[in-house]
Amino acid sequence: MVRPAHERVAHGTGRAAQLASPALAALGREVAAFALDSPAAVRVVLAEVIAAGSLSLLLLALAYPTVWSALWGMQTAITRSRTRLAVFTLGVLLVPVLTIALAAVIG
C-alpha cells in the first residue's frame, strides 16, 4: 500500500526525503521545509520563527540592559579559563546529541 505524500514526508520515507536527507543537515530549517515540499513543515517552521522573533523583540524591548548584563556576565564567566570554555563547548555539542538519542530510545 502506498502512503499519501504528506505521510511519506512526515515519516521520512518519501523519495524527496530520501534524496534530500544528506543535504538537510547543511540547510536551515526553513530551506529544509521548502525542500521537502511539505506545506505543513513550512507552516510549523514559520510559526516557530515568528514566535521566537516576537519573544526576542519583546524581551529586548522591555529588558535590554538586564539581558545585556546577564549575557556579558555569562560570556565572561565561560571564557575565564580554557577548562570552562571546553566544558561549555562540550555541553553545546553533547546536549543535542543526547536529546536525539533520548528521543530515539523513548519514541
N, C-alpha and C. Protein backbone atom coordinates (compact mmCIF):
# COMPACT_ATOMS: atom_id res chain seq x y z
N MET A 1 0.84 -1.18 0.00
CA MET A 1 0.00 0.00 0.00
C MET A 1 0.88 1.24 0.00
N VAL A 2 0.56 2.18 -0.84
CA VAL A 2 1.34 3.41 -0.95
C VAL A 2 0.70 4.48 -0.07
N ARG A 3 1.50 5.09 0.78
CA ARG A 3 1.00 6.16 1.63
C ARG A 3 0.87 7.46 0.85
N PRO A 4 -0.03 8.37 1.28
CA PRO A 4 -0.11 9.69 0.64
C PRO A 4 1.21 10.42 0.85
N ALA A 5 1.49 11.38 -0.02
CA ALA A 5 2.78 12.10 0.01
C ALA A 5 3.03 12.77 1.35
N HIS A 6 2.00 13.37 1.96
CA HIS A 6 2.23 14.08 3.23
C HIS A 6 2.64 13.11 4.34
N GLU A 7 2.15 11.88 4.29
CA GLU A 7 2.56 10.89 5.30
C GLU A 7 3.97 10.39 5.04
N ARG A 8 4.33 10.22 3.76
CA ARG A 8 5.69 9.75 3.44
C ARG A 8 6.71 10.78 3.90
N VAL A 9 6.43 12.06 3.68
CA VAL A 9 7.37 13.11 4.10
C VAL A 9 7.43 13.18 5.61
N ALA A 10 6.27 13.10 6.27
CA ALA A 10 6.24 13.19 7.73
C ALA A 10 7.01 12.04 8.37
N HIS A 11 6.98 10.86 7.76
CA HIS A 11 7.69 9.72 8.32
C HIS A 11 9.09 9.57 7.74
N GLY A 12 9.49 10.47 6.84
CA GLY A 12 10.83 10.42 6.27
C GLY A 12 11.04 9.29 5.28
N THR A 13 9.95 8.77 4.69
CA THR A 13 10.10 7.65 3.77
C THR A 13 9.82 8.05 2.33
N GLY A 14 9.45 9.29 2.10
CA GLY A 14 9.19 9.75 0.74
C GLY A 14 10.47 9.86 -0.06
N ARG A 15 10.33 9.80 -1.38
CA ARG A 15 11.51 9.87 -2.26
C ARG A 15 12.25 11.18 -2.05
N ALA A 16 11.54 12.28 -1.90
CA ALA A 16 12.20 13.57 -1.67
C ALA A 16 12.99 13.56 -0.38
N ALA A 17 12.43 12.96 0.67
CA ALA A 17 13.12 12.89 1.96
C ALA A 17 14.36 12.01 1.85
N GLN A 18 14.26 10.90 1.11
CA GLN A 18 15.41 10.01 0.96
C GLN A 18 16.53 10.68 0.19
N LEU A 19 16.18 11.39 -0.87
CA LEU A 19 17.20 12.06 -1.68
C LEU A 19 17.81 13.25 -0.96
N ALA A 20 17.01 13.96 -0.19
CA ALA A 20 17.47 15.20 0.42
C ALA A 20 18.12 14.99 1.79
N SER A 21 17.96 13.81 2.40
CA SER A 21 18.43 13.61 3.77
C SER A 21 19.87 14.04 4.02
N PRO A 22 20.87 13.66 3.20
CA PRO A 22 22.24 14.10 3.50
C PRO A 22 22.40 15.61 3.41
N ALA A 23 21.66 16.24 2.52
CA ALA A 23 21.80 17.68 2.34
C ALA A 23 21.06 18.47 3.41
N LEU A 24 20.07 17.86 4.09
CA LEU A 24 19.27 18.59 5.06
C LEU A 24 20.08 19.08 6.25
N ALA A 25 21.14 18.36 6.60
CA ALA A 25 21.96 18.76 7.74
C ALA A 25 22.58 20.12 7.50
N ALA A 26 22.91 20.44 6.27
CA ALA A 26 23.57 21.70 5.95
C ALA A 26 22.57 22.84 5.71
N LEU A 27 21.32 22.50 5.49
CA LEU A 27 20.32 23.52 5.19
C LEU A 27 19.68 24.05 6.46
N GLY A 28 19.21 25.26 6.42
CA GLY A 28 18.43 25.79 7.54
C GLY A 28 17.09 25.10 7.59
N ARG A 29 16.41 25.20 8.73
CA ARG A 29 15.10 24.56 8.85
C ARG A 29 14.11 25.09 7.84
N GLU A 30 14.17 26.38 7.55
CA GLU A 30 13.23 26.95 6.60
C GLU A 30 13.44 26.37 5.22
N VAL A 31 14.69 26.31 4.79
CA VAL A 31 15.00 25.77 3.47
C VAL A 31 14.65 24.29 3.42
N ALA A 32 14.90 23.57 4.51
CA ALA A 32 14.58 22.14 4.56
C ALA A 32 13.09 21.92 4.39
N ALA A 33 12.29 22.75 5.06
CA ALA A 33 10.84 22.60 4.95
C ALA A 33 10.38 22.82 3.51
N PHE A 34 10.95 23.81 2.85
CA PHE A 34 10.61 24.05 1.44
C PHE A 34 11.11 22.91 0.56
N ALA A 35 12.32 22.41 0.83
CA ALA A 35 12.92 21.36 0.01
C ALA A 35 12.12 20.07 0.10
N LEU A 36 11.53 19.80 1.25
CA LEU A 36 10.72 18.58 1.40
C LEU A 36 9.35 18.72 0.76
N ASP A 37 9.06 19.93 0.29
CA ASP A 37 7.79 20.18 -0.37
C ASP A 37 6.63 19.80 0.55
N SER A 38 6.74 20.25 1.80
CA SER A 38 5.72 19.93 2.79
C SER A 38 5.12 21.23 3.32
N PRO A 39 3.93 21.57 2.91
CA PRO A 39 3.30 22.79 3.41
C PRO A 39 3.15 22.79 4.94
N ALA A 40 2.90 21.63 5.52
CA ALA A 40 2.77 21.55 6.97
C ALA A 40 4.10 21.90 7.65
N ALA A 41 5.20 21.40 7.12
CA ALA A 41 6.52 21.71 7.69
C ALA A 41 6.83 23.20 7.56
N VAL A 42 6.47 23.79 6.44
CA VAL A 42 6.71 25.22 6.24
C VAL A 42 5.91 26.02 7.26
N ARG A 43 4.66 25.64 7.50
CA ARG A 43 3.83 26.36 8.48
C ARG A 43 4.41 26.24 9.88
N VAL A 44 4.87 25.06 10.25
CA VAL A 44 5.44 24.86 11.58
C VAL A 44 6.69 25.72 11.75
N VAL A 45 7.57 25.70 10.76
CA VAL A 45 8.81 26.47 10.84
C VAL A 45 8.49 27.96 10.86
N LEU A 46 7.56 28.39 10.04
CA LEU A 46 7.19 29.81 10.02
C LEU A 46 6.61 30.24 11.37
N ALA A 47 5.77 29.43 11.96
CA ALA A 47 5.22 29.74 13.29
C ALA A 47 6.32 29.82 14.32
N GLU A 48 7.28 28.91 14.24
CA GLU A 48 8.41 28.92 15.19
C GLU A 48 9.24 30.18 15.03
N VAL A 49 9.53 30.56 13.80
CA VAL A 49 10.33 31.76 13.56
C VAL A 49 9.60 33.01 14.05
N ILE A 50 8.32 33.09 13.79
CA ILE A 50 7.54 34.25 14.23
C ILE A 50 7.48 34.31 15.75
N ALA A 51 7.23 33.18 16.40
CA ALA A 51 7.15 33.15 17.87
C ALA A 51 8.49 33.51 18.50
N ALA A 52 9.56 32.91 18.03
CA ALA A 52 10.89 33.18 18.60
C ALA A 52 11.29 34.63 18.36
N GLY A 53 11.03 35.13 17.18
CA GLY A 53 11.36 36.53 16.87
C GLY A 53 10.55 37.50 17.72
N SER A 54 9.27 37.22 17.88
CA SER A 54 8.41 38.10 18.68
C SER A 54 8.84 38.13 20.14
N LEU A 55 9.11 36.94 20.70
CA LEU A 55 9.56 36.89 22.09
C LEU A 55 10.90 37.58 22.28
N SER A 56 11.81 37.40 21.32
CA SER A 56 13.11 38.06 21.41
C SER A 56 12.97 39.57 21.36
N LEU A 57 12.17 40.07 20.44
CA LEU A 57 11.96 41.52 20.35
C LEU A 57 11.31 42.07 21.61
N LEU A 58 10.34 41.35 22.14
CA LEU A 58 9.67 41.79 23.36
C LEU A 58 10.65 41.83 24.53
N LEU A 59 11.43 40.78 24.68
CA LEU A 59 12.41 40.72 25.75
C LEU A 59 13.44 41.84 25.64
N LEU A 60 13.95 42.05 24.44
CA LEU A 60 14.95 43.11 24.25
C LEU A 60 14.33 44.50 24.41
N ALA A 61 13.11 44.68 23.99
CA ALA A 61 12.45 45.99 24.12
C ALA A 61 12.19 46.34 25.58
N LEU A 62 11.86 45.33 26.37
CA LEU A 62 11.50 45.61 27.76
C LEU A 62 12.66 45.51 28.74
N ALA A 63 13.69 44.73 28.39
CA ALA A 63 14.74 44.47 29.38
C ALA A 63 16.12 44.42 28.76
N TYR A 64 16.41 45.29 27.81
CA TYR A 64 17.70 45.24 27.13
C TYR A 64 18.90 45.34 28.09
N PRO A 65 18.93 46.31 29.00
CA PRO A 65 20.11 46.40 29.89
C PRO A 65 20.31 45.14 30.75
N THR A 66 19.22 44.58 31.23
CA THR A 66 19.31 43.37 32.04
C THR A 66 19.82 42.19 31.21
N VAL A 67 19.28 42.03 30.00
CA VAL A 67 19.70 40.95 29.12
C VAL A 67 21.18 41.12 28.76
N TRP A 68 21.57 42.34 28.43
CA TRP A 68 22.96 42.61 28.05
C TRP A 68 23.91 42.27 29.21
N SER A 69 23.56 42.70 30.40
CA SER A 69 24.40 42.43 31.56
C SER A 69 24.50 40.93 31.84
N ALA A 70 23.39 40.24 31.75
CA ALA A 70 23.39 38.80 32.01
C ALA A 70 24.24 38.06 30.98
N LEU A 71 24.07 38.40 29.70
CA LEU A 71 24.85 37.73 28.66
C LEU A 71 26.33 38.07 28.76
N TRP A 72 26.65 39.32 29.08
CA TRP A 72 28.05 39.71 29.23
C TRP A 72 28.69 38.96 30.41
N GLY A 73 27.96 38.86 31.50
CA GLY A 73 28.47 38.13 32.65
C GLY A 73 28.67 36.65 32.35
N MET A 74 27.73 36.05 31.63
CA MET A 74 27.85 34.64 31.26
C MET A 74 29.04 34.43 30.33
N GLN A 75 29.19 35.30 29.36
CA GLN A 75 30.31 35.19 28.42
C GLN A 75 31.64 35.35 29.15
N THR A 76 31.70 36.27 30.08
CA THR A 76 32.93 36.49 30.84
C THR A 76 33.25 35.27 31.70
N ALA A 77 32.25 34.71 32.34
CA ALA A 77 32.46 33.53 33.19
C ALA A 77 32.90 32.32 32.37
N ILE A 78 32.29 32.14 31.20
CA ILE A 78 32.62 30.98 30.36
C ILE A 78 34.04 31.07 29.82
N THR A 79 34.46 32.26 29.43
CA THR A 79 35.78 32.41 28.82
C THR A 79 36.88 32.73 29.83
N ARG A 80 36.57 32.64 31.12
CA ARG A 80 37.57 32.95 32.14
C ARG A 80 38.75 31.97 32.10
N SER A 81 38.49 30.72 31.75
CA SER A 81 39.57 29.74 31.65
C SER A 81 39.29 28.79 30.49
N ARG A 82 40.34 28.14 30.04
CA ARG A 82 40.20 27.17 28.95
C ARG A 82 39.32 25.99 29.37
N THR A 83 39.41 25.61 30.62
CA THR A 83 38.60 24.49 31.12
C THR A 83 37.12 24.82 31.04
N ARG A 84 36.75 26.00 31.50
CA ARG A 84 35.33 26.40 31.43
C ARG A 84 34.85 26.47 29.99
N LEU A 85 35.68 27.01 29.11
CA LEU A 85 35.32 27.10 27.71
C LEU A 85 35.16 25.70 27.10
N ALA A 86 36.05 24.79 27.46
CA ALA A 86 35.96 23.42 26.95
C ALA A 86 34.69 22.73 27.45
N VAL A 87 34.37 22.92 28.72
CA VAL A 87 33.15 22.32 29.29
C VAL A 87 31.91 22.89 28.60
N PHE A 88 31.88 24.19 28.40
CA PHE A 88 30.75 24.82 27.73
C PHE A 88 30.61 24.30 26.30
N THR A 89 31.72 24.25 25.57
CA THR A 89 31.69 23.77 24.19
C THR A 89 31.24 22.31 24.13
N LEU A 90 31.73 21.49 25.03
CA LEU A 90 31.32 20.10 25.09
C LEU A 90 29.82 19.99 25.37
N GLY A 91 29.33 20.83 26.28
CA GLY A 91 27.90 20.85 26.57
C GLY A 91 27.06 21.25 25.38
N VAL A 92 27.53 22.25 24.65
CA VAL A 92 26.80 22.71 23.45
C VAL A 92 26.74 21.60 22.41
N LEU A 93 27.80 20.81 22.32
CA LEU A 93 27.81 19.73 21.35
C LEU A 93 27.05 18.49 21.83
N LEU A 94 27.12 18.19 23.12
CA LEU A 94 26.51 16.96 23.63
C LEU A 94 25.01 17.05 23.87
N VAL A 95 24.51 18.20 24.26
CA VAL A 95 23.09 18.32 24.58
C VAL A 95 22.20 17.92 23.39
N PRO A 96 22.44 18.43 22.18
CA PRO A 96 21.59 17.99 21.06
C PRO A 96 21.74 16.49 20.76
N VAL A 97 22.97 15.98 20.83
CA VAL A 97 23.19 14.56 20.54
C VAL A 97 22.45 13.70 21.56
N LEU A 98 22.56 14.06 22.84
CA LEU A 98 21.87 13.29 23.88
C LEU A 98 20.35 13.41 23.77
N THR A 99 19.87 14.57 23.38
CA THR A 99 18.44 14.77 23.19
C THR A 99 17.92 13.88 22.08
N ILE A 100 18.65 13.83 20.97
CA ILE A 100 18.25 12.98 19.84
C ILE A 100 18.29 11.51 20.26
N ALA A 101 19.34 11.12 20.98
CA ALA A 101 19.45 9.73 21.43
C ALA A 101 18.30 9.37 22.37
N LEU A 102 17.98 10.27 23.28
CA LEU A 102 16.88 10.03 24.22
C LEU A 102 15.55 9.92 23.48
N ALA A 103 15.35 10.78 22.49
CA ALA A 103 14.12 10.71 21.69
C ALA A 103 14.03 9.39 20.93
N ALA A 104 15.16 8.89 20.45
CA ALA A 104 15.16 7.62 19.74
C ALA A 104 14.83 6.46 20.68
N VAL A 105 15.31 6.53 21.91
CA VAL A 105 15.03 5.47 22.87
C VAL A 105 13.57 5.50 23.30
N ILE A 106 13.06 6.70 23.57
CA ILE A 106 11.67 6.85 24.03
C ILE A 106 10.69 6.55 22.90
N GLY A 107 10.95 7.12 21.73
CA GLY A 107 9.99 7.02 20.64
C GLY A 107 10.28 5.93 19.73
